[in-house]
PDB file of all heavy atoms in Angstrom:
ATOM      1  N   ASP A   1      90.078 101.507 108.544  1.00  0.00           N
ATOM      2  CA  ASP A   1      88.965 102.069 107.785  1.00  0.00           C
ATOM      3  C   ASP A   1      89.456 102.608 106.442  1.00  0.00           C
ATOM      4  O   ASP A   1      90.214 103.566 106.386  1.00  0.00           O
ATOM      5  CB  ASP A   1      88.332 103.185 108.625  1.00  0.00           C
ATOM      6  CG  ASP A   1      87.139 103.849 107.961  1.00  0.00           C
ATOM      7  OD1 ASP A   1      86.806 103.495 106.821  1.00  0.00           O
ATOM      8  OD2 ASP A   1      86.541 104.736 108.603  1.00  0.00           O
ATOM      9  N   LEU A   2      88.960 102.015 105.359  1.00  0.00           N
ATOM     10  CA  LEU A   2      89.313 102.464 104.012  1.00  0.00           C
ATOM     11  C   LEU A   2      88.111 103.052 103.283  1.00  0.00           C
ATOM     12  O   LEU A   2      88.108 103.112 102.053  1.00  0.00           O
ATOM     13  CB  LEU A   2      89.875 101.302 103.181  1.00  0.00           C
ATOM     14  CG  LEU A   2      91.385 101.044 103.260  1.00  0.00           C
ATOM     15  CD1 LEU A   2      91.847 100.717 104.658  1.00  0.00           C
ATOM     16  CD2 LEU A   2      91.778  99.925 102.303  1.00  0.00           C
ATOM     17  N   SER A   3      87.105 103.502 104.008  1.00  0.00           N
ATOM     18  CA  SER A   3      85.878 103.928 103.337  1.00  0.00           C
ATOM     19  C   SER A   3      85.335 105.271 103.777  1.00  0.00           C
ATOM     20  O   SER A   3      84.317 105.705 103.254  1.00  0.00           O
ATOM     21  CB  SER A   3      84.788 102.872 103.538  1.00  0.00           C
ATOM     22  OG  SER A   3      85.037 101.742 102.729  1.00  0.00           O
ATOM     23  N   ARG A   4      85.944 105.942 104.731  1.00  0.00           N
ATOM     24  CA  ARG A   4      85.397 107.207 105.223  1.00  0.00           C
ATOM     25  C   ARG A   4      86.169 108.410 104.695  1.00  0.00           C
ATOM     26  O   ARG A   4      86.049 109.498 105.232  1.00  0.00           O
ATOM     27  CB  ARG A   4      85.397 107.224 106.750  1.00  0.00           C
ATOM     28  CG  ARG A   4      84.786 105.993 107.381  1.00  0.00           C
ATOM     29  CD  ARG A   4      83.280 105.910 107.185  1.00  0.00           C
ATOM     30  NE  ARG A   4      82.728 104.683 107.719  1.00  0.00           N
ATOM     31  CZ  ARG A   4      82.558 104.423 109.015  1.00  0.00           C
ATOM     32  NH1 ARG A   4      82.912 105.294 109.913  1.00  0.00           N
ATOM     33  NH2 ARG A   4      82.033 103.274 109.394  1.00  0.00           N
ATOM     34  N   GLY A   5      86.972 108.196 103.676  1.00  0.00           N
ATOM     35  CA  GLY A   5      87.747 109.288 103.105  1.00  0.00           C
ATOM     36  C   GLY A   5      89.143 108.839 102.731  1.00  0.00           C
ATOM     37  O   GLY A   5      89.456 108.633 101.563  1.00  0.00           O
ATOM     38  N   PRO A   6      90.030 108.687 103.732  1.00  0.00           N
ATOM     39  CA  PRO A   6      91.400 108.285 103.414  1.00  0.00           C
ATOM     40  C   PRO A   6      91.468 106.870 102.839  1.00  0.00           C
ATOM     41  O   PRO A   6      90.909 105.930 103.412  1.00  0.00           O
ATOM     42  CB  PRO A   6      92.107 108.342 104.774  1.00  0.00           C
ATOM     43  CG  PRO A   6      91.270 109.235 105.624  1.00  0.00           C
ATOM     44  CD  PRO A   6      89.862 109.009 105.165  1.00  0.00           C
ATOM     45  N   VAL A   7      92.140 106.720 101.724  1.00  0.00           N
ATOM     46  CA  VAL A   7      92.430 105.406 101.143  1.00  0.00           C
ATOM     47  C   VAL A   7      93.939 105.331 100.965  1.00  0.00           C
ATOM     48  O   VAL A   7      94.510 106.091 100.180  1.00  0.00           O
ATOM     49  CB  VAL A   7      91.716 105.198  99.792  1.00  0.00           C
ATOM     50  CG1 VAL A   7      92.075 103.841  99.206  1.00  0.00           C
ATOM     51  CG2 VAL A   7      90.196 105.319  99.958  1.00  0.00           C
ATOM     52  N   PRO A   8      94.611 104.455 101.704  1.00  0.00           N
ATOM     53  CA  PRO A   8      96.074 104.427 101.642  1.00  0.00           C
ATOM     54  C   PRO A   8      96.584 103.952 100.293  1.00  0.00           C
ATOM     55  O   PRO A   8      95.907 103.212  99.576  1.00  0.00           O
ATOM     56  CB  PRO A   8      96.452 103.442 102.752  1.00  0.00           C
ATOM     57  CG  PRO A   8      95.248 102.587 102.932  1.00  0.00           C
ATOM     58  CD  PRO A   8      94.064 103.452 102.634  1.00  0.00           C
ATOM     59  N   THR A   9      97.773 104.385  99.969  1.00  0.00           N
ATOM     60  CA  THR A   9      98.451 103.828  98.802  1.00  0.00           C
ATOM     61  C   THR A   9      98.858 102.396  99.115  1.00  0.00           C
ATOM     62  O   THR A   9      98.991 102.001 100.282  1.00  0.00           O
ATOM     63  CB  THR A   9      99.703 104.632  98.456  1.00  0.00           C
ATOM     64  OG1 THR A   9     100.637 104.537  99.548  1.00  0.00           O
ATOM     65  CG2 THR A   9      99.370 106.098  98.220  1.00  0.00           C
ATOM     66  N   LEU A  10      99.079 101.613  98.077  1.00  0.00           N
ATOM     67  CA  LEU A  10      99.519 100.236  98.279  1.00  0.00           C
ATOM     68  C   LEU A  10     100.866 100.212  98.993  1.00  0.00           C
ATOM     69  O   LEU A  10     101.102  99.358  99.862  1.00  0.00           O
ATOM     70  CB  LEU A  10      99.596  99.507  96.939  1.00  0.00           C
ATOM     71  CG  LEU A  10     100.031  98.042  96.996  1.00  0.00           C
ATOM     72  CD1 LEU A  10      99.082  97.215  97.849  1.00  0.00           C
ATOM     73  CD2 LEU A  10     100.119  97.458  95.578  1.00  0.00           C
ATOM     74  N   GLU A  11     101.743 101.141  98.662  1.00  0.00           N
ATOM     75  CA  GLU A  11     103.049 101.171  99.319  1.00  0.00           C
ATOM     76  C   GLU A  11     102.910 101.459 100.809  1.00  0.00           C
ATOM     77  O   GLU A  11     103.641 100.886 101.623  1.00  0.00           O
ATOM     78  CB  GLU A  11     103.955 102.210  98.648  1.00  0.00           C
ATOM     79  CG  GLU A  11     104.482 101.777  97.297  1.00  0.00           C
ATOM     80  CD  GLU A  11     105.129 100.394  97.334  1.00  0.00           C
ATOM     81  OE1 GLU A  11     106.051 100.189  98.163  1.00  0.00           O
ATOM     82  OE2 GLU A  11     104.708  99.511  96.550  1.00  0.00           O
ATOM     83  N   PHE A  12     101.976 102.347 101.167  1.00  0.00           N
ATOM     84  CA  PHE A  12     101.800 102.605 102.595  1.00  0.00           C
ATOM     85  C   PHE A  12     101.181 101.397 103.291  1.00  0.00           C
ATOM     86  O   PHE A  12     101.538 101.086 104.435  1.00  0.00           O
ATOM     87  CB  PHE A  12     100.940 103.844 102.837  1.00  0.00           C
ATOM     88  CG  PHE A  12     100.853 104.209 104.301  1.00  0.00           C
ATOM     89  CD1 PHE A  12     101.932 104.795 104.932  1.00  0.00           C
ATOM     90  CD2 PHE A  12      99.712 103.946 105.048  1.00  0.00           C
ATOM     91  CE1 PHE A  12     101.879 105.120 106.278  1.00  0.00           C
ATOM     92  CE2 PHE A  12      99.645 104.269 106.391  1.00  0.00           C
ATOM     93  CZ  PHE A  12     100.736 104.860 107.010  1.00  0.00           C
ATOM     94  N   GLN A  13     100.283 100.706 102.632  1.00  0.00           N
ATOM     95  CA  GLN A  13      99.733  99.491 103.235  1.00  0.00           C
ATOM     96  C   GLN A  13     100.826  98.456 103.481  1.00  0.00           C
ATOM     97  O   GLN A  13     100.805  97.751 104.494  1.00  0.00           O
ATOM     98  CB  GLN A  13      98.636  98.909 102.344  1.00  0.00           C
ATOM     99  CG  GLN A  13      97.334  99.701 102.405  1.00  0.00           C
ATOM    100  CD  GLN A  13      96.247  99.064 101.558  1.00  0.00           C
ATOM    101  OE1 GLN A  13      96.342  99.032 100.334  1.00  0.00           O
ATOM    102  NE2 GLN A  13      95.225  98.546 102.201  1.00  0.00           N
ATOM    103  N   LYS A  14     101.768  98.371 102.577  1.00  0.00           N
ATOM    104  CA  LYS A  14     102.892  97.460 102.794  1.00  0.00           C
ATOM    105  C   LYS A  14     103.706  97.901 104.010  1.00  0.00           C
ATOM    106  O   LYS A  14     104.163  97.056 104.797  1.00  0.00           O
ATOM    107  CB  LYS A  14     103.767  97.393 101.549  1.00  0.00           C
ATOM    108  CG  LYS A  14     103.110  96.665 100.376  1.00  0.00           C
ATOM    109  CD  LYS A  14     104.013  96.642  99.154  1.00  0.00           C
ATOM    110  CE  LYS A  14     103.372  95.872  98.003  1.00  0.00           C
ATOM    111  NZ  LYS A  14     104.234  95.860  96.793  1.00  0.00           N
ATOM    112  N   LYS A  15     103.872  99.193 104.161  1.00  0.00           N
ATOM    113  CA  LYS A  15     104.554  99.691 105.359  1.00  0.00           C
ATOM    114  C   LYS A  15     103.750  99.338 106.614  1.00  0.00           C
ATOM    115  O   LYS A  15     104.326  98.949 107.641  1.00  0.00           O
ATOM    116  CB  LYS A  15     104.750 101.204 105.271  1.00  0.00           C
ATOM    117  CG  LYS A  15     105.329 101.814 106.553  1.00  0.00           C
ATOM    118  CD  LYS A  15     105.454 103.313 106.458  1.00  0.00           C
ATOM    119  CE  LYS A  15     105.819 103.921 107.804  1.00  0.00           C
ATOM    120  NZ  LYS A  15     107.082 103.417 108.358  1.00  0.00           N
ATOM    121  N   GLN A  16     102.429  99.486 106.545  1.00  0.00           N
ATOM    122  CA  GLN A  16     101.596  99.082 107.678  1.00  0.00           C
ATOM    123  C   GLN A  16     101.821  97.615 108.020  1.00  0.00           C
ATOM    124  O   GLN A  16     101.943  97.247 109.193  1.00  0.00           O
ATOM    125  CB  GLN A  16     100.115  99.319 107.357  1.00  0.00           C
ATOM    126  CG  GLN A  16      99.698 100.776 107.321  1.00  0.00           C
ATOM    127  CD  GLN A  16      98.241 100.915 106.914  1.00  0.00           C
ATOM    128  OE1 GLN A  16      97.853 100.506 105.819  1.00  0.00           O
ATOM    129  NE2 GLN A  16      97.431 101.480 107.790  1.00  0.00           N
ATOM    130  N   ILE A  17     101.853  96.771 106.997  1.00  0.00           N
ATOM    131  CA  ILE A  17     102.065  95.341 107.221  1.00  0.00           C
ATOM    132  C   ILE A  17     103.411  95.104 107.898  1.00  0.00           C
ATOM    133  O   ILE A  17     103.503  94.373 108.895  1.00  0.00           O
ATOM    134  CB  ILE A  17     101.997  94.571 105.881  1.00  0.00           C
ATOM    135  CG1 ILE A  17     100.583  94.628 105.280  1.00  0.00           C
ATOM    136  CG2 ILE A  17     102.462  93.124 106.069  1.00  0.00           C
ATOM    137  CD1 ILE A  17      99.513  93.952 106.098  1.00  0.00           C
ATOM    138  N   ARG A  18     104.460  95.704 107.364  1.00  0.00           N
ATOM    139  CA  ARG A  18     105.789  95.505 107.953  1.00  0.00           C
ATOM    140  C   ARG A  18     105.825  95.968 109.403  1.00  0.00           C
ATOM    141  O   ARG A  18     106.425  95.311 110.266  1.00  0.00           O
ATOM    142  CB  ARG A  18     106.849  96.280 107.157  1.00  0.00           C
ATOM    143  CG  ARG A  18     107.089  95.795 105.753  1.00  0.00           C
ATOM    144  CD  ARG A  18     108.347  96.423 105.154  1.00  0.00           C
ATOM    145  NE  ARG A  18     108.318  97.875 105.123  1.00  0.00           N
ATOM    146  CZ  ARG A  18     107.818  98.606 104.139  1.00  0.00           C
ATOM    147  NH1 ARG A  18     107.248  98.008 103.095  1.00  0.00           N
ATOM    148  NH2 ARG A  18     107.868  99.937 104.178  1.00  0.00           N
ATOM    149  N   THR A  19     105.173  97.094 109.651  1.00  0.00           N
ATOM    150  CA  THR A  19     105.250  97.684 110.986  1.00  0.00           C
ATOM    151  C   THR A  19     104.444  96.892 111.997  1.00  0.00           C
ATOM    152  O   THR A  19     104.927  96.599 113.098  1.00  0.00           O
ATOM    153  CB  THR A  19     104.781  99.150 110.955  1.00  0.00           C
ATOM    154  OG1 THR A  19     105.510  99.853 109.948  1.00  0.00           O
ATOM    155  CG2 THR A  19     105.002  99.816 112.300  1.00  0.00           C
ATOM    156  N   ILE A  20     103.218  96.538 111.648  1.00  0.00           N
ATOM    157  CA  ILE A  20     102.428  95.778 112.621  1.00  0.00           C
ATOM    158  C   ILE A  20     103.043  94.400 112.855  1.00  0.00           C
ATOM    159  O   ILE A  20     103.025  93.881 113.982  1.00  0.00           O
ATOM    160  CB  ILE A  20     100.945  95.668 112.209  1.00  0.00           C
ATOM    161  CG1 ILE A  20     100.753  94.875 110.910  1.00  0.00           C
ATOM    162  CG2 ILE A  20     100.318  97.051 112.129  1.00  0.00           C
ATOM    163  CD1 ILE A  20      99.288  94.659 110.531  1.00  0.00           C
ATOM    164  N   ALA A  21     103.627  93.809 111.812  1.00  0.00           N
ATOM    165  CA  ALA A  21     104.279  92.509 111.977  1.00  0.00           C
ATOM    166  C   ALA A  21     105.469  92.623 112.925  1.00  0.00           C
ATOM    167  O   ALA A  21     105.743  91.707 113.712  1.00  0.00           O
ATOM    168  CB  ALA A  21     104.727  91.970 110.624  1.00  0.00           C
ATOM    169  N   ALA A  22     106.179  93.747 112.860  1.00  0.00           N
ATOM    170  CA  ALA A  22     107.325  93.956 113.741  1.00  0.00           C
ATOM    171  C   ALA A  22     106.905  93.977 115.204  1.00  0.00           C
ATOM    172  O   ALA A  22     107.723  93.709 116.091  1.00  0.00           O
ATOM    173  CB  ALA A  22     108.039  95.254 113.380  1.00  0.00           C
ATOM    174  N   TYR A  23     105.638  94.283 115.460  1.00  0.00           N
ATOM    175  CA  TYR A  23     105.124  94.301 116.830  1.00  0.00           C
ATOM    176  C   TYR A  23     104.168  93.134 117.083  1.00  0.00           C
ATOM    177  O   TYR A  23     103.342  93.181 117.977  1.00  0.00           O
ATOM    178  CB  TYR A  23     104.482  95.661 117.124  1.00  0.00           C
ATOM    179  CG  TYR A  23     105.535  96.741 117.154  1.00  0.00           C
ATOM    180  CD1 TYR A  23     105.843  97.480 116.019  1.00  0.00           C
ATOM    181  CD2 TYR A  23     106.283  96.970 118.299  1.00  0.00           C
ATOM    182  CE1 TYR A  23     106.847  98.432 116.029  1.00  0.00           C
ATOM    183  CE2 TYR A  23     107.287  97.925 118.322  1.00  0.00           C
ATOM    184  CZ  TYR A  23     107.568  98.645 117.180  1.00  0.00           C
ATOM    185  OH  TYR A  23     108.573  99.580 117.187  1.00  0.00           O
ATOM    186  N   LYS A  24     104.324  92.099 116.241  1.00  0.00           N
ATOM    187  CA  LYS A  24     103.694  90.796 116.467  1.00  0.00           C
ATOM    188  C   LYS A  24     102.172  90.811 116.308  1.00  0.00           C
ATOM    189  O   LYS A  24     101.463  89.980 116.873  1.00  0.00           O
ATOM    190  CB  LYS A  24     104.110  90.233 117.831  1.00  0.00           C
ATOM    191  CG  LYS A  24     105.639  90.135 117.993  1.00  0.00           C
ATOM    192  CD  LYS A  24     106.052  89.601 119.353  1.00  0.00           C
ATOM    193  CE  LYS A  24     107.567  89.454 119.462  1.00  0.00           C
ATOM    194  NZ  LYS A  24     108.303  90.726 119.430  1.00  0.00           N
ATOM    195  N   ILE A  25     101.678  91.758 115.531  1.00  0.00           N
ATOM    196  CA  ILE A  25     100.276  91.733 115.100  1.00  0.00           C
ATOM    197  C   ILE A  25     100.183  90.816 113.886  1.00  0.00           C
ATOM    198  O   ILE A  25     101.013  90.906 112.976  1.00  0.00           O
ATOM    199  CB  ILE A  25      99.798  93.152 114.761  1.00  0.00           C
ATOM    200  CG1 ILE A  25      99.691  94.000 116.041  1.00  0.00           C
ATOM    201  CG2 ILE A  25      98.463  93.137 114.027  1.00  0.00           C
ATOM    202  CD1 ILE A  25      99.382  95.460 115.795  1.00  0.00           C
ATOM    203  N   ASN A  26      99.194  89.931 113.868  1.00  0.00           N
ATOM    204  CA  ASN A  26      99.136  88.938 112.782  1.00  0.00           C
ATOM    205  C   ASN A  26      97.860  89.003 111.943  1.00  0.00           C
ATOM    206  O   ASN A  26      97.617  88.113 111.120  1.00  0.00           O
ATOM    207  CB  ASN A  26      99.351  87.521 113.322  1.00  0.00           C
ATOM    208  CG  ASN A  26      98.315  87.103 114.361  1.00  0.00           C
ATOM    209  OD1 ASN A  26      97.361  87.825 114.625  1.00  0.00           O
ATOM    210  ND2 ASN A  26      98.512  85.940 114.952  1.00  0.00           N
TER     211      ASN A  26
END
């Protein structure tokens, strides 16, 4: 959810991508 208040930084979104990919989320 990017619309109810919190909007992540681009750098944190990249961290999200790296982390979910490490656990095989695609």
